[in-house]
């Protein structure tokens, strides 16, 4: 799951950097935090769904 999370964040960051290549380090860190939170939310939702089965 950790490597999936890293891949998710990396993919999102690549797309964000392509959209805005002038992003500074602070903006990049904020985006990484945002994408990490998105992944964690999705992962928790999947785990909860699996537990319900």
C-alpha atoms as a PDB file:
ATOM      1  CA  UNK A   1       0.000   0.000   0.000  1.00  0.00           C
ATOM      2  CA  UNK A   2       2.910   2.343   0.718  1.00  0.00           C
ATOM      3  CA  UNK A   3       4.324   2.003  -2.782  1.00  0.00           C
ATOM      4  CA  UNK A   4       0.840   2.506  -4.256  1.00  0.00           C
ATOM      5  CA  UNK A   5       0.556   5.720  -2.271  1.00  0.00           C
ATOM      6  CA  UNK A   6       3.939   6.924  -3.453  1.00  0.00           C
ATOM      7  CA  UNK A   7       3.037   6.158  -7.069  1.00  0.00           C
ATOM      8  CA  UNK A   8      -0.306   7.974  -6.692  1.00  0.00           C
ATOM      9  CA  UNK A   9       1.353  11.093  -5.270  1.00  0.00           C
ATOM     10  CA  UNK A  10       4.151  10.984  -7.844  1.00  0.00           C
ATOM     11  CA  UNK A  11       1.686  10.739 -10.752  1.00  0.00           C
ATOM     12  CA  UNK A  12      -0.356  13.627  -9.418  1.00  0.00           C
ATOM     13  CA  UNK A  13       2.769  15.742  -8.844  1.00  0.00           C
ATOM     14  CA  UNK A  14       3.999  15.124 -12.376  1.00  0.00           C
ATOM     15  CA  UNK A  15       0.646  16.272 -13.742  1.00  0.00           C
ATOM     16  CA  UNK A  16       0.642  19.326 -11.457  1.00  0.00           C
ATOM     17  CA  UNK A  17       4.176  20.265 -12.505  1.00  0.00           C
ATOM     18  CA  UNK A  18       3.265  19.890 -16.169  1.00  0.00           C
ATOM     19  CA  UNK A  19       0.297  22.206 -15.612  1.00  0.00           C
ATOM     20  CA  UNK A  20       2.364  24.728 -13.617  1.00  0.00           C
ATOM     21  CA  UNK A  21       6.106  24.284 -14.096  1.00  0.00           C
ATOM     22  CA  UNK A  22       6.838  27.514 -12.179  1.00  0.00           C
ATOM     23  CA  UNK A  23       5.660  26.033  -8.869  1.00  0.00           C
ATOM     24  CA  UNK A  24       8.060  26.844  -6.053  1.00  0.00           C
ATOM     25  CA  UNK A  25       9.143  24.426  -3.335  1.00  0.00           C
ATOM     26  CA  UNK A  26       6.462  25.550  -0.860  1.00  0.00           C
ATOM     27  CA  UNK A  27       3.711  25.053  -3.444  1.00  0.00           C
ATOM     28  CA  UNK A  28       5.109  21.627  -4.309  1.00  0.00           C
ATOM     29  CA  UNK A  29       5.106  20.583  -0.642  1.00  0.00           C
ATOM     30  CA  UNK A  30       1.507  21.790  -0.288  1.00  0.00           C
ATOM     31  CA  UNK A  31       0.488  19.774  -3.354  1.00  0.00           C
ATOM     32  CA  UNK A  32       2.269  16.679  -2.030  1.00  0.00           C
ATOM     33  CA  UNK A  33       0.364  17.031   1.254  1.00  0.00           C
ATOM     34  CA  UNK A  34      -2.903  17.461  -0.638  1.00  0.00           C
ATOM     35  CA  UNK A  35      -2.300  14.411  -2.834  1.00  0.00           C
ATOM     36  CA  UNK A  36      -1.191  12.325   0.154  1.00  0.00           C
ATOM     37  CA  UNK A  37      -4.429  13.197   1.958  1.00  0.00           C
ATOM     38  CA  UNK A  38      -6.434  12.290  -1.169  1.00  0.00           C
ATOM     39  CA  UNK A  39      -4.742   8.897  -1.368  1.00  0.00           C
ATOM     40  CA  UNK A  40      -5.253   8.220   2.338  1.00  0.00           C
ATOM     41  CA  UNK A  41      -8.944   9.065   2.035  1.00  0.00           C
ATOM     42  CA  UNK A  42      -9.338   6.713  -0.934  1.00  0.00           C
ATOM     43  CA  UNK A  43      -7.386   3.951   0.815  1.00  0.00           C
ATOM     44  CA  UNK A  44      -9.509   4.236   3.957  1.00  0.00           C
ATOM     45  CA  UNK A  45     -12.684   4.095   1.883  1.00  0.00           C
ATOM     46  CA  UNK A  46     -11.445   0.919   0.169  1.00  0.00           C
ATOM     47  CA  UNK A  47     -10.490  -0.670   3.497  1.00  0.00           C
ATOM     48  CA  UNK A  48     -13.884   0.124   4.984  1.00  0.00           C
ATOM     49  CA  UNK A  49     -15.636  -1.353   1.950  1.00  0.00           C
ATOM     50  CA  UNK A  50     -13.520  -4.502   2.229  1.00  0.00           C
ATOM     51  CA  UNK A  51     -14.304  -4.797   5.940  1.00  0.00           C
ATOM     52  CA  UNK A  52     -18.037  -4.573   5.243  1.00  0.00           C
ATOM     53  CA  UNK A  53     -17.922  -7.582   2.908  1.00  0.00           C
END
